[in-house]
Amino acid sequence: QEEAVVLKFCNSRHMLQSEQMAAELAAQLEIPAPASRILLKVHDAEEWDQLALSASSLCEDLAEILGKKKSMLLMQFVRGANMQKEKDSWTPERLADSAHAVGRLFVLDVLLGNNDRLPVKSMGWRGNPGNVLWTAPPPPEVEVCGDNCQQSA
């Protein structure tokens, strides 16, 4: 199984801190968000230098960026489908859970003032559901009955 990370660079560490805080708030609202941490070149020099050394043999552009930037947000890669393309989550047996998840996401966006994810005409949000990675929850438990009735996952 492959593993991947996402590196996000910014000239202002405060922007990265804001993004990490948003992910922490999402976790409190039970919205899956990637694990992340901020690396500052001045404070995390040994780790930064190791990353730059590895990058120099893999990707010259990344090595160059690591030489110029002073902060980055290191994030876990999250697999998922664009919410517009998701079909399984909107079936009758999953609709309530999916609607609840979209509601939690809406609350997060209201708290953050994020108007570029969910289109909400009454609030003037154009939105872009393509900005939402969606992973369908597992199918609901099914009752299996034979001589003995039992729940199976």
Protein backbone atom coordinates (compact mmCIF):
# COMPACT_ATOMS: atom_id res chain seq x y z
CA GLN A 1 0.00 0.00 0.00
CA GLU A 2 1.35 3.38 -1.01
CA GLU A 3 1.60 6.26 1.40
CA ALA A 4 1.64 9.90 0.44
CA VAL A 5 1.77 13.30 2.08
CA VAL A 6 0.81 16.75 0.94
CA LEU A 7 3.20 19.67 1.41
CA LYS A 8 1.66 23.11 1.43
CA PHE A 9 3.99 26.10 1.33
CA CYS A 10 3.10 29.65 2.20
CA ASN A 11 5.07 32.82 2.84
CA SER A 12 3.12 33.43 6.04
CA ARG A 13 3.21 30.81 8.76
CA HIS A 14 0.02 32.41 10.11
CA MET A 15 -1.87 31.24 7.02
CA LEU A 16 -0.64 27.71 7.67
CA GLN A 17 -1.63 27.97 11.32
CA SER A 18 -5.12 29.07 10.24
CA GLU A 19 -5.43 26.04 7.99
CA GLN A 20 -4.26 23.70 10.74
CA MET A 21 -6.69 25.30 13.20
CA ALA A 22 -9.53 24.75 10.71
CA ALA A 23 -8.59 21.06 10.52
CA GLU A 24 -8.62 20.83 14.34
CA LEU A 25 -12.05 22.46 14.44
CA ALA A 26 -13.27 20.02 11.79
CA ALA A 27 -12.11 17.11 13.95
CA GLN A 28 -14.10 18.51 16.89
CA LEU A 29 -17.19 18.56 14.65
CA GLU A 30 -16.49 14.92 13.67
CA ILE A 31 -15.60 15.90 10.12
CA PRO A 32 -12.73 13.79 8.81
CA ALA A 33 -9.72 15.98 8.12
CA PRO A 34 -6.14 15.06 7.34
CA ALA A 35 -3.64 14.89 10.16
CA SER A 36 -1.23 17.78 9.80
CA ARG A 37 1.61 19.64 11.39
CA ILE A 38 3.53 22.79 10.69
CA LEU A 39 7.25 22.69 10.04
CA LEU A 40 9.25 25.87 10.46
CA LYS A 41 12.69 25.88 8.87
CA VAL A 42 14.22 27.72 11.81
CA HIS A 43 12.75 25.41 14.49
CA ASP A 44 12.69 22.11 12.61
CA ALA A 45 16.02 22.49 10.82
CA GLU A 46 17.16 18.87 11.11
CA GLU A 47 13.90 17.47 9.72
CA TRP A 48 13.73 20.21 7.07
CA ASP A 49 17.29 19.45 5.95
CA GLN A 50 16.54 15.72 5.74
CA LEU A 51 13.51 16.44 3.59
CA ALA A 52 15.52 18.79 1.35
CA LEU A 53 18.24 16.16 0.93
CA SER A 54 15.69 13.50 -0.05
CA ALA A 55 13.91 15.93 -2.38
CA SER A 56 17.14 16.81 -4.20
CA SER A 57 17.33 13.32 -5.69
CA LEU A 58 13.58 12.98 -6.34
CA CYS A 59 12.30 16.35 -7.47
CA GLU A 60 14.45 19.38 -8.26
CA ASP A 61 11.48 21.76 -8.05
CA LEU A 62 10.64 20.60 -4.53
CA ALA A 63 14.27 20.92 -3.46
CA GLU A 64 14.33 24.47 -4.83
CA ILE A 65 11.15 25.41 -2.97
CA LEU A 66 12.51 23.93 0.26
CA GLY A 67 15.56 26.15 -0.20
CA LYS A 68 13.43 29.29 -0.52
CA LYS A 69 10.47 28.82 1.84
CA LYS A 70 10.55 29.07 5.62
CA SER A 71 7.38 27.23 6.59
CA MET A 72 5.18 24.41 5.37
CA LEU A 73 2.12 22.48 6.37
CA LEU A 74 2.72 18.74 6.16
CA MET A 75 -0.60 16.94 5.68
CA GLN A 76 -1.75 13.38 5.41
CA PHE A 77 -3.05 12.49 1.93
CA VAL A 78 -6.75 11.69 2.04
CA ARG A 79 -8.41 9.50 -0.55
CA GLY A 80 -11.93 10.27 -1.61
CA ALA A 81 -14.16 11.20 -4.49
CA ASN A 82 -15.40 14.59 -5.55
CA MET A 83 -18.76 15.08 -3.78
CA GLN A 84 -20.46 15.85 -7.11
CA LYS A 85 -19.55 12.40 -8.40
CA GLU A 86 -20.54 10.47 -5.26
CA LYS A 87 -23.61 8.28 -5.76
CA ASP A 88 -23.67 5.61 -3.01
CA SER A 89 -24.04 8.09 -0.15
CA TRP A 90 -27.36 9.41 -1.47
CA THR A 91 -29.22 6.09 -1.54
CA PRO A 92 -32.24 5.92 0.80
CA GLU A 93 -30.47 3.76 3.40
CA ARG A 94 -27.51 6.18 3.64
CA LEU A 95 -29.27 9.49 3.05
CA ALA A 96 -29.77 10.44 6.72
CA ASP A 97 -26.08 9.88 7.60
CA SER A 98 -24.92 11.74 4.50
CA ALA A 99 -27.25 14.68 5.14
CA HIS A 100 -25.98 14.84 8.73
CA ALA A 101 -22.38 14.91 7.44
CA VAL A 102 -23.17 17.74 5.00
CA GLY A 103 -24.85 19.62 7.87
CA ARG A 104 -21.70 19.34 10.01
CA LEU A 105 -19.66 20.57 7.05
CA PHE A 106 -22.03 23.52 6.65
CA VAL A 107 -21.62 24.44 10.33
CA LEU A 108 -17.84 24.31 9.93
CA ASP A 109 -17.98 26.57 6.89
CA VAL A 110 -20.22 29.06 8.73
CA LEU A 111 -17.77 29.14 11.66
CA LEU A 112 -14.81 29.62 9.33
CA GLY A 113 -16.53 32.02 6.95
CA ASN A 114 -15.68 29.62 4.12
CA ASN A 115 -17.96 30.32 1.18
CA ASP A 116 -16.12 28.41 -1.53
CA ARG A 117 -17.19 24.85 -0.75
CA LEU A 118 -20.96 24.44 -0.41
CA PRO A 119 -23.26 26.41 -2.73
CA VAL A 120 -25.85 28.17 -0.53
CA LYS A 121 -27.82 30.64 -2.64
CA SER A 122 -29.59 32.29 0.32
CA MET A 123 -26.18 33.20 1.81
CA GLY A 124 -24.67 34.28 -1.49
CA TRP A 125 -22.22 31.35 -1.50
CA ARG A 126 -21.34 30.22 -5.02
CA GLY A 127 -19.52 27.22 -3.60
CA ASN A 128 -17.80 24.39 -5.39
CA PRO A 129 -18.78 20.88 -4.24
CA GLY A 130 -15.73 19.69 -6.16
CA ASN A 131 -13.73 21.07 -3.20
CA VAL A 132 -15.26 18.37 -0.98
CA LEU A 133 -13.64 14.95 -0.84
CA TRP A 134 -16.32 12.44 0.00
CA THR A 135 -15.92 8.88 1.17
CA ALA A 136 -19.08 6.83 1.38
CA PRO A 137 -19.63 5.27 4.80
CA PRO A 138 -19.70 1.47 4.96
CA PRO A 139 -23.06 -0.10 4.23
CA PRO A 140 -25.40 -0.35 7.22
CA GLU A 141 -25.41 -3.53 9.27
CA VAL A 142 -27.65 -6.20 7.84
CA GLU A 143 -29.67 -8.57 9.95
CA VAL A 144 -29.03 -12.15 8.98
CA CYS A 145 -31.61 -14.69 10.13
CA GLY A 146 -31.44 -18.43 10.06
CA ASP A 147 -31.97 -20.75 13.00
CA ASN A 148 -30.48 -18.00 15.17
CA CYS A 149 -30.95 -14.33 14.37
CA GLN A 150 -27.70 -12.34 14.68
CA GLN A 151 -26.21 -9.06 13.55
CA SER A 152 -23.43 -9.16 11.02
CA ALA A 153 -21.21 -6.26 10.10
